[in-house]
All heavy atoms as atom14 arrays in JSON, in Angstrom:
{
  "sequence": "EKSRRNLSVIERELELHPEQVELLFYRGHSLANLGR",
  "atom14_mask": [
    [1, 1, 1, 1, 1, 1, 1, 1, 1, 0, 0, 0, 0, 0],
    [1, 1, 1, 1, 1, 1, 1, 1, 1, 0, 0, 0, 0, 0],
    [1, 1, 1, 1, 1, 1, 0, 0, 0, 0, 0, 0, 0, 0],
    [1, 1, 1, 1, 1, 1, 1, 1, 1, 1, 1, 0, 0, 0],
    [1, 1, 1, 1, 1, 1, 1, 1, 1, 1, 1, 0, 0, 0],
    [1, 1, 1, 1, 1, 1, 1, 1, 0, 0, 0, 0, 0, 0],
    [1, 1, 1, 1, 1, 1, 1, 1, 0, 0, 0, 0, 0, 0],
    [1, 1, 1, 1, 1, 1, 0, 0, 0, 0, 0, 0, 0, 0],
    [1, 1, 1, 1, 1, 1, 1, 0, 0, 0, 0, 0, 0, 0],
    [1, 1, 1, 1, 1, 1, 1, 1, 0, 0, 0, 0, 0, 0],
    [1, 1, 1, 1, 1, 1, 1, 1, 1, 0, 0, 0, 0, 0],
    [1, 1, 1, 1, 1, 1, 1, 1, 1, 1, 1, 0, 0, 0],
    [1, 1, 1, 1, 1, 1, 1, 1, 1, 0, 0, 0, 0, 0],
    [1, 1, 1, 1, 1, 1, 1, 1, 0, 0, 0, 0, 0, 0],
    [1, 1, 1, 1, 1, 1, 1, 1, 1, 0, 0, 0, 0, 0],
    [1, 1, 1, 1, 1, 1, 1, 1, 0, 0, 0, 0, 0, 0],
    [1, 1, 1, 1, 1, 1, 1, 1, 1, 1, 0, 0, 0, 0],
    [1, 1, 1, 1, 1, 1, 1, 0, 0, 0, 0, 0, 0, 0],
    [1, 1, 1, 1, 1, 1, 1, 1, 1, 0, 0, 0, 0, 0],
    [1, 1, 1, 1, 1, 1, 1, 1, 1, 0, 0, 0, 0, 0],
    [1, 1, 1, 1, 1, 1, 1, 0, 0, 0, 0, 0, 0, 0],
    [1, 1, 1, 1, 1, 1, 1, 1, 1, 0, 0, 0, 0, 0],
    [1, 1, 1, 1, 1, 1, 1, 1, 0, 0, 0, 0, 0, 0],
    [1, 1, 1, 1, 1, 1, 1, 1, 0, 0, 0, 0, 0, 0],
    [1, 1, 1, 1, 1, 1, 1, 1, 1, 1, 1, 0, 0, 0],
    [1, 1, 1, 1, 1, 1, 1, 1, 1, 1, 1, 1, 0, 0],
    [1, 1, 1, 1, 1, 1, 1, 1, 1, 1, 1, 0, 0, 0],
    [1, 1, 1, 1, 0, 0, 0, 0, 0, 0, 0, 0, 0, 0],
    [1, 1, 1, 1, 1, 1, 1, 1, 1, 1, 0, 0, 0, 0],
    [1, 1, 1, 1, 1, 1, 0, 0, 0, 0, 0, 0, 0, 0],
    [1, 1, 1, 1, 1, 1, 1, 1, 0, 0, 0, 0, 0, 0],
    [1, 1, 1, 1, 1, 0, 0, 0, 0, 0, 0, 0, 0, 0],
    [1, 1, 1, 1, 1, 1, 1, 1, 0, 0, 0, 0, 0, 0],
    [1, 1, 1, 1, 1, 1, 1, 1, 0, 0, 0, 0, 0, 0],
    [1, 1, 1, 1, 0, 0, 0, 0, 0, 0, 0, 0, 0, 0],
    [1, 1, 1, 1, 1, 1, 1, 1, 1, 1, 1, 0, 0, 0]
  ],
  "atom14_positions": [
    [[-14.86, -58.91, -18.64], [-15.74, -58.31, -19.65], [-17.16, -58.85, -19.54], [-18.13, -58.1, -19.58], [-15.18, -58.6, -21.04], [-15.98, -57.95, -22.16], [-15.38, -58.23, -23.53], [-14.22, -58.68, -23.6], [-16.08, -58.0, -24.53], [0.0, 0.0, 0.0], [0.0, 0.0, 0.0], [0.0, 0.0, 0.0], [0.0, 0.0, 0.0], [0.0, 0.0, 0.0]],
    [[-17.28, -60.17, -19.37], [-18.62, -60.77, -19.23], [-19.28, -60.33, -17.93], [-20.5, -60.11, -17.88], [-18.52, -62.29, -19.29], [-18.21, -62.83, -20.67], [-18.3, -64.34, -20.73], [-18.06, -64.84, -22.15], [-18.21, -66.3, -22.27], [0.0, 0.0, 0.0], [0.0, 0.0, 0.0], [0.0, 0.0, 0.0], [0.0, 0.0, 0.0], [0.0, 0.0, 0.0]],
    [[-18.49, -60.19, -16.88], [-19.05, -59.79, -15.58], [-19.57, -58.36, -15.62], [-20.62, -58.05, -15.05], [-18.0, -59.95, -14.48], [-17.64, -61.31, -14.33], [0.0, 0.0, 0.0], [0.0, 0.0, 0.0], [0.0, 0.0, 0.0], [0.0, 0.0, 0.0], [0.0, 0.0, 0.0], [0.0, 0.0, 0.0], [0.0, 0.0, 0.0], [0.0, 0.0, 0.0]],
    [[-18.83, -57.46, -16.29], [-19.31, -56.08, -16.43], [-20.62, -56.05, -17.2], [-21.55, -55.32, -16.84], [-18.25, -55.23, -17.14], [-17.09, -54.79, -16.25], [-16.23, -53.75, -16.94], [-15.48, -54.34, -18.04], [-14.24, -54.82, -17.91], [-13.62, -54.78, -16.74], [-13.6, -55.33, -18.96], [0.0, 0.0, 0.0], [0.0, 0.0, 0.0], [0.0, 0.0, 0.0]],
    [[-20.68, -56.82, -18.26], [-21.9, -56.89, -19.07], [-23.07, -57.42, -18.24], [-24.19, -56.91, -18.3], [-21.66, -57.8, -20.28], [-22.89, -58.04, -21.15], [-22.69, -59.28, -22.02], [-22.66, -60.49, -21.21], [-22.34, -61.71, -21.69], [-21.99, -61.84, -22.95], [-22.37, -62.77, -20.9], [0.0, 0.0, 0.0], [0.0, 0.0, 0.0], [0.0, 0.0, 0.0]],
    [[-22.81, -58.46, -17.45], [-23.88, -59.13, -16.72], [-24.38, -58.34, -15.53], [-25.57, -58.39, -15.2], [-23.41, -60.51, -16.24], [-23.2, -61.49, -17.37], [-23.59, -61.23, -18.51], [-22.58, -62.61, -17.08], [0.0, 0.0, 0.0], [0.0, 0.0, 0.0], [0.0, 0.0, 0.0], [0.0, 0.0, 0.0], [0.0, 0.0, 0.0], [0.0, 0.0, 0.0]],
    [[-23.48, -57.63, -14.86], [-23.85, -57.03, -13.58], [-24.99, -56.03, -13.71], [-25.91, -56.02, -12.87], [-22.63, -56.37, -12.93], [-22.85, -55.82, -11.51], [-23.3, -56.92, -10.56], [-21.56, -55.17, -11.0], [0.0, 0.0, 0.0], [0.0, 0.0, 0.0], [0.0, 0.0, 0.0], [0.0, 0.0, 0.0], [0.0, 0.0, 0.0], [0.0, 0.0, 0.0]],
    [[-24.96, -55.2, -14.74], [-26.03, -54.21, -14.88], [-27.38, -54.88, -15.12], [-28.41, -54.43, -14.6], [-25.71, -53.24, -16.02], [-25.61, -53.93, -17.26], [0.0, 0.0, 0.0], [0.0, 0.0, 0.0], [0.0, 0.0, 0.0], [0.0, 0.0, 0.0], [0.0, 0.0, 0.0], [0.0, 0.0, 0.0], [0.0, 0.0, 0.0], [0.0, 0.0, 0.0]],
    [[-27.38, -55.97, -15.88], [-28.63, -56.7, -16.12], [-29.11, -57.35, -14.83], [-30.31, -57.33, -14.51], [-28.43, -57.76, -17.22], [-29.74, -58.51, -17.47], [-27.95, -57.11, -18.51], [0.0, 0.0, 0.0], [0.0, 0.0, 0.0], [0.0, 0.0, 0.0], [0.0, 0.0, 0.0], [0.0, 0.0, 0.0], [0.0, 0.0, 0.0], [0.0, 0.0, 0.0]],
    [[-28.19, -57.94, -14.06], [-28.55, -58.59, -12.8], [-29.15, -57.58, -11.83], [-30.18, -57.84, -11.18], [-27.31, -59.27, -12.18], [-26.86, -60.44, -13.04], [-27.61, -59.75, -10.76], [-25.49, -60.99, -12.68], [0.0, 0.0, 0.0], [0.0, 0.0, 0.0], [0.0, 0.0, 0.0], [0.0, 0.0, 0.0], [0.0, 0.0, 0.0], [0.0, 0.0, 0.0]],
    [[-28.52, -56.41, -11.69], [-29.03, -55.39, -10.77], [-30.44, -54.95, -11.18], [-31.32, -54.77, -10.33], [-28.09, -54.19, -10.74], [-26.69, -54.48, -10.21], [-26.66, -54.64, -8.69], [-27.73, -54.79, -8.06], [-25.55, -54.61, -8.14], [0.0, 0.0, 0.0], [0.0, 0.0, 0.0], [0.0, 0.0, 0.0], [0.0, 0.0, 0.0], [0.0, 0.0, 0.0]],
    [[-30.66, -54.79, -12.46], [-31.99, -54.4, -12.94], [-33.02, -55.48, -12.63], [-34.12, -55.2, -12.14], [-31.95, -54.15, -14.45], [-33.27, -53.66, -15.05], [-33.28, -53.84, -16.55], [-33.35, -55.26, -16.91], [-33.0, -55.74, -18.11], [-32.5, -54.92, -19.03], [-33.11, -57.02, -18.37], [0.0, 0.0, 0.0], [0.0, 0.0, 0.0], [0.0, 0.0, 0.0]],
    [[-32.63, -56.75, -12.87], [-33.56, -57.85, -12.62], [-33.86, -58.01, -11.13], [-34.98, -58.36, -10.75], [-32.98, -59.16, -13.18], [-32.99, -59.22, -14.7], [-34.4, -59.15, -15.25], [-35.19, -60.09, -15.02], [-34.72, -58.15, -15.93], [0.0, 0.0, 0.0], [0.0, 0.0, 0.0], [0.0, 0.0, 0.0], [0.0, 0.0, 0.0], [0.0, 0.0, 0.0]],
    [[-32.87, -57.75, -10.28], [-33.11, -57.83, -8.83], [-34.12, -56.78, -8.37], [-34.93, -57.03, -7.48], [-31.8, -57.66, -8.07], [-31.06, -58.94, -7.69], [-29.68, -58.62, -7.12], [-31.87, -59.77, -6.69], [0.0, 0.0, 0.0], [0.0, 0.0, 0.0], [0.0, 0.0, 0.0], [0.0, 0.0, 0.0], [0.0, 0.0, 0.0], [0.0, 0.0, 0.0]],
    [[-34.05, -55.59, -8.97], [-35.03, -54.57, -8.63], [-36.43, -54.97, -9.07], [-37.41, -54.74, -8.36], [-34.64, -53.24, -9.28], [-33.42, -52.56, -8.66], [-33.17, -51.2, -9.26], [-34.04, -50.7, -10.0], [-32.1, -50.62, -8.99], [0.0, 0.0, 0.0], [0.0, 0.0, 0.0], [0.0, 0.0, 0.0], [0.0, 0.0, 0.0], [0.0, 0.0, 0.0]],
    [[-36.51, -55.6, -10.24], [-37.82, -56.0, -10.76], [-38.34, -57.27, -10.1], [-39.55, -57.43, -9.9], [-37.73, -56.22, -12.28], [-37.43, -55.0, -13.15], [-37.19, -55.41, -14.59], [-38.59, -54.0, -13.06], [0.0, 0.0, 0.0], [0.0, 0.0, 0.0], [0.0, 0.0, 0.0], [0.0, 0.0, 0.0], [0.0, 0.0, 0.0], [0.0, 0.0, 0.0]],
    [[-37.42, -58.2, -9.74], [-37.82, -59.5, -9.22], [-37.0, -59.86, -7.99], [-36.18, -60.78, -8.02], [-37.65, -60.58, -10.3], [-38.33, -60.27, -11.6], [-39.71, -60.34, -11.75], [-37.83, -59.87, -12.81], [-40.03, -60.01, -12.99], [-38.92, -59.73, -13.64], [0.0, 0.0, 0.0], [0.0, 0.0, 0.0], [0.0, 0.0, 0.0], [0.0, 0.0, 0.0]],
    [[-37.19, -59.17, -6.87], [-36.4, -59.46, -5.67], [-36.63, -60.86, -5.12], [-35.81, -61.36, -4.35], [-36.88, -58.39, -4.68], [-38.23, -57.96, -5.18], [-38.15, -58.07, -6.66], [0.0, 0.0, 0.0], [0.0, 0.0, 0.0], [0.0, 0.0, 0.0], [0.0, 0.0, 0.0], [0.0, 0.0, 0.0], [0.0, 0.0, 0.0], [0.0, 0.0, 0.0]],
    [[-37.72, -61.5, -5.53], [-37.99, -62.87, -5.07], [-37.09, -63.91, -5.74], [-36.98, -65.06, -5.27], [-39.46, -63.23, -5.32], [-39.84, -63.54, -6.77], [-39.95, -62.31, -7.69], [-39.8, -61.19, -7.19], [-40.2, -62.49, -8.89], [0.0, 0.0, 0.0], [0.0, 0.0, 0.0], [0.0, 0.0, 0.0], [0.0, 0.0, 0.0], [0.0, 0.0, 0.0]],
    [[-36.41, -63.55, -6.83], [-35.53, -64.49, -7.52], [-34.15, -64.47, -6.85], [-33.21, -63.82, -7.29], [-35.43, -64.12, -9.01], [-36.76, -64.27, -9.74], [-36.64, -63.98, -11.23], [-35.55, -63.82, -11.77], [-37.78, -63.9, -11.9], [0.0, 0.0, 0.0], [0.0, 0.0, 0.0], [0.0, 0.0, 0.0], [0.0, 0.0, 0.0], [0.0, 0.0, 0.0]],
    [[-34.06, -65.25, -5.77], [-32.88, -65.17, -4.9], [-31.62, -65.66, -5.59], [-30.5, -65.31, -5.18], [-33.1, -65.94, -3.58], [-34.17, -65.28, -2.76], [-33.44, -67.41, -3.85], [0.0, 0.0, 0.0], [0.0, 0.0, 0.0], [0.0, 0.0, 0.0], [0.0, 0.0, 0.0], [0.0, 0.0, 0.0], [0.0, 0.0, 0.0], [0.0, 0.0, 0.0]],
    [[-31.75, -66.48, -6.66], [-30.54, -66.94, -7.35], [-29.76, -65.77, -7.95], [-28.55, -65.86, -8.18], [-30.87, -67.96, -8.44], [-31.63, -67.44, -9.64], [-33.13, -67.48, -9.47], [-33.6, -67.68, -8.33], [-33.84, -67.34, -10.49], [0.0, 0.0, 0.0], [0.0, 0.0, 0.0], [0.0, 0.0, 0.0], [0.0, 0.0, 0.0], [0.0, 0.0, 0.0]],
    [[-30.45, -64.64, -8.19], [-29.77, -63.46, -8.72], [-28.76, -62.91, -7.72], [-27.77, -62.28, -8.12], [-30.8, -62.38, -9.07], [-31.71, -62.69, -10.27], [-32.81, -61.66, -10.38], [-30.91, -62.75, -11.56], [0.0, 0.0, 0.0], [0.0, 0.0, 0.0], [0.0, 0.0, 0.0], [0.0, 0.0, 0.0], [0.0, 0.0, 0.0], [0.0, 0.0, 0.0]],
    [[-28.98, -63.16, -6.42], [-28.01, -62.74, -5.41], [-26.68, -63.46, -5.63], [-25.6, -62.87, -5.48], [-28.53, -63.04, -4.01], [-29.77, -62.26, -3.57], [-30.32, -62.84, -2.27], [-29.44, -60.78, -3.39], [0.0, 0.0, 0.0], [0.0, 0.0, 0.0], [0.0, 0.0, 0.0], [0.0, 0.0, 0.0], [0.0, 0.0, 0.0], [0.0, 0.0, 0.0]],
    [[-26.77, -64.74, -5.97], [-25.55, -65.5, -6.25], [-24.85, -64.93, -7.48], [-23.63, -64.7, -7.46], [-25.85, -66.98, -6.47], [-24.74, -67.71, -7.16], [-23.59, -68.06, -6.46], [-24.81, -68.0, -8.52], [-22.54, -68.69, -7.1], [-23.76, -68.64, -9.15], [-22.62, -69.0, -8.44], [0.0, 0.0, 0.0], [0.0, 0.0, 0.0], [0.0, 0.0, 0.0]],
    [[-25.6, -64.72, -8.56], [-24.98, -64.23, -9.78], [-24.39, -62.84, -9.6], [-23.35, -62.51, -10.18], [-26.01, -64.26, -10.92], [-26.39, -65.65, -11.34], [-27.72, -66.08, -11.29], [-25.43, -66.56, -11.75], [-28.07, -67.36, -11.66], [-25.78, -67.85, -12.12], [-27.1, -68.24, -12.08], [-27.44, -69.53, -12.44], [0.0, 0.0, 0.0], [0.0, 0.0, 0.0]],
    [[-25.04, -62.0, -8.78], [-24.47, -60.69, -8.49], [-23.15, -60.85, -7.75], [-22.15, -60.2, -8.08], [-25.45, -59.85, -7.66], [-24.89, -58.46, -7.34], [-25.89, -57.61, -6.59], [-26.17, -58.12, -5.26], [-27.05, -57.58, -4.42], [-27.75, -56.53, -4.79], [-27.24, -58.1, -3.23], [0.0, 0.0, 0.0], [0.0, 0.0, 0.0], [0.0, 0.0, 0.0]],
    [[-23.14, -61.72, -6.73], [-21.91, -61.95, -5.99], [-20.79, -62.48, -6.86], [-19.63, -62.08, -6.71], [0.0, 0.0, 0.0], [0.0, 0.0, 0.0], [0.0, 0.0, 0.0], [0.0, 0.0, 0.0], [0.0, 0.0, 0.0], [0.0, 0.0, 0.0], [0.0, 0.0, 0.0], [0.0, 0.0, 0.0], [0.0, 0.0, 0.0], [0.0, 0.0, 0.0]],
    [[-21.13, -63.37, -7.78], [-20.13, -63.94, -8.68], [-19.53, -62.86, -9.58], [-18.3, -62.78, -9.75], [-20.79, -65.03, -9.52], [-19.83, -65.83, -10.35], [-18.86, -66.63, -9.81], [-19.7, -65.93, -11.7], [-18.17, -67.21, -10.78], [-18.66, -66.79, -11.93], [0.0, 0.0, 0.0], [0.0, 0.0, 0.0], [0.0, 0.0, 0.0], [0.0, 0.0, 0.0]],
    [[-20.38, -62.0, -10.13], [-19.89, -60.93, -11.0], [-19.05, -59.93, -10.21], [-18.0, -59.47, -10.68], [-21.06, -60.21, -11.68], [-21.73, -61.07, -12.58], [0.0, 0.0, 0.0], [0.0, 0.0, 0.0], [0.0, 0.0, 0.0], [0.0, 0.0, 0.0], [0.0, 0.0, 0.0], [0.0, 0.0, 0.0], [0.0, 0.0, 0.0], [0.0, 0.0, 0.0]],
    [[-19.48, -59.6, -9.01], [-18.73, -58.65, -8.19], [-17.35, -59.2, -7.85], [-16.36, -58.45, -7.85], [-19.51, -58.36, -6.9], [-20.76, -57.48, -7.06], [-21.6, -57.54, -5.79], [-20.38, -56.05, -7.39], [0.0, 0.0, 0.0], [0.0, 0.0, 0.0], [0.0, 0.0, 0.0], [0.0, 0.0, 0.0], [0.0, 0.0, 0.0], [0.0, 0.0, 0.0]],
    [[-17.26, -60.49, -7.56], [-15.96, -61.09, -7.27], [-15.03, -60.99, -8.47], [-13.85, -60.66, -8.33], [-16.15, -62.55, -6.85], [0.0, 0.0, 0.0], [0.0, 0.0, 0.0], [0.0, 0.0, 0.0], [0.0, 0.0, 0.0], [0.0, 0.0, 0.0], [0.0, 0.0, 0.0], [0.0, 0.0, 0.0], [0.0, 0.0, 0.0], [0.0, 0.0, 0.0]],
    [[-15.57, -61.26, -9.66], [-14.75, -61.19, -10.86], [-14.27, -59.78, -11.14], [-13.24, -59.58, -11.81], [-15.54, -61.72, -12.06], [-15.79, -63.21, -11.98], [-15.04, -63.94, -11.34], [-16.86, -63.66, -12.63], [0.0, 0.0, 0.0], [0.0, 0.0, 0.0], [0.0, 0.0, 0.0], [0.0, 0.0, 0.0], [0.0, 0.0, 0.0], [0.0, 0.0, 0.0]],
    [[-15.0, -58.79, -10.64], [-14.62, -57.39, -10.85], [-13.79, -56.83, -9.71], [-13.48, -55.64, -9.68], [-15.89, -56.54, -11.04], [-16.69, -56.86, -12.31], [-18.02, -56.13, -12.31], [-15.89, -56.5, -13.55], [0.0, 0.0, 0.0], [0.0, 0.0, 0.0], [0.0, 0.0, 0.0], [0.0, 0.0, 0.0], [0.0, 0.0, 0.0], [0.0, 0.0, 0.0]],
    [[-13.43, -57.7, -8.75], [-12.57, -57.28, -7.66], [-13.27, -56.57, -6.52], [-12.61, -56.05, -5.61], [0.0, 0.0, 0.0], [0.0, 0.0, 0.0], [0.0, 0.0, 0.0], [0.0, 0.0, 0.0], [0.0, 0.0, 0.0], [0.0, 0.0, 0.0], [0.0, 0.0, 0.0], [0.0, 0.0, 0.0], [0.0, 0.0, 0.0], [0.0, 0.0, 0.0]],
    [[-14.58, -56.54, -6.5], [-15.35, -55.9, -5.44], [-15.68, -56.96, -4.38], [-16.79, -57.45, -4.26], [-16.59, -55.24, -6.04], [-16.23, -54.11, -6.99], [-17.34, -53.72, -7.94], [-18.52, -53.2, -7.25], [-19.61, -52.75, -7.89], [-19.63, -52.73, -9.22], [-20.66, -52.32, -7.22], [0.0, 0.0, 0.0], [0.0, 0.0, 0.0], [0.0, 0.0, 0.0]]
  ]
}
Protein backbone atom coordinates (compact mmCIF):
# COMPACT_ATOMS: atom_id res chain seq x y z
CA GLU A 1 0.00 0.00 0.00
CA LYS A 2 2.79 2.44 0.89
CA SER A 3 4.73 1.50 -2.25
CA ARG A 4 1.74 2.17 -4.51
CA ARG A 5 1.26 5.54 -2.84
CA ASN A 6 4.95 6.43 -3.12
CA LEU A 7 5.66 5.29 -6.66
CA SER A 8 3.52 7.88 -8.43
CA VAL A 9 5.12 10.68 -6.40
CA ILE A 10 8.62 9.30 -7.08
CA GLU A 11 7.99 9.09 -10.84
CA ARG A 12 6.73 12.67 -10.89
CA GLU A 13 9.73 13.91 -8.90
CA LEU A 14 12.15 12.07 -11.21
CA GLU A 15 10.66 13.88 -14.19
CA LEU A 16 11.01 17.22 -12.42
CA HIS A 17 14.41 16.53 -10.81
CA PRO A 18 16.37 13.89 -12.76
CA GLU A 19 19.54 15.03 -10.99
CA GLN A 20 18.24 13.62 -7.67
CA VAL A 21 19.69 10.16 -8.22
CA GLU A 22 18.52 8.85 -4.82
CA LEU A 23 15.03 8.76 -6.35
CA LEU A 24 16.27 5.91 -8.56
CA PHE A 25 16.82 3.86 -5.43
CA TYR A 26 13.41 4.69 -4.00
CA ARG A 27 11.75 3.85 -7.32
CA GLY A 28 13.54 0.50 -7.38
CA HIS A 29 12.52 -0.21 -3.79
CA SER A 30 8.85 0.53 -4.49
CA LEU A 31 8.89 -1.52 -7.69
CA ALA A 32 10.33 -4.51 -5.83
CA ASN A 33 7.61 -4.29 -3.21
CA LEU A 34 5.02 -4.29 -5.99
CA GLY A 35 6.50 -7.39 -7.62
CA ARG A 36 7.90 -5.59 -10.69
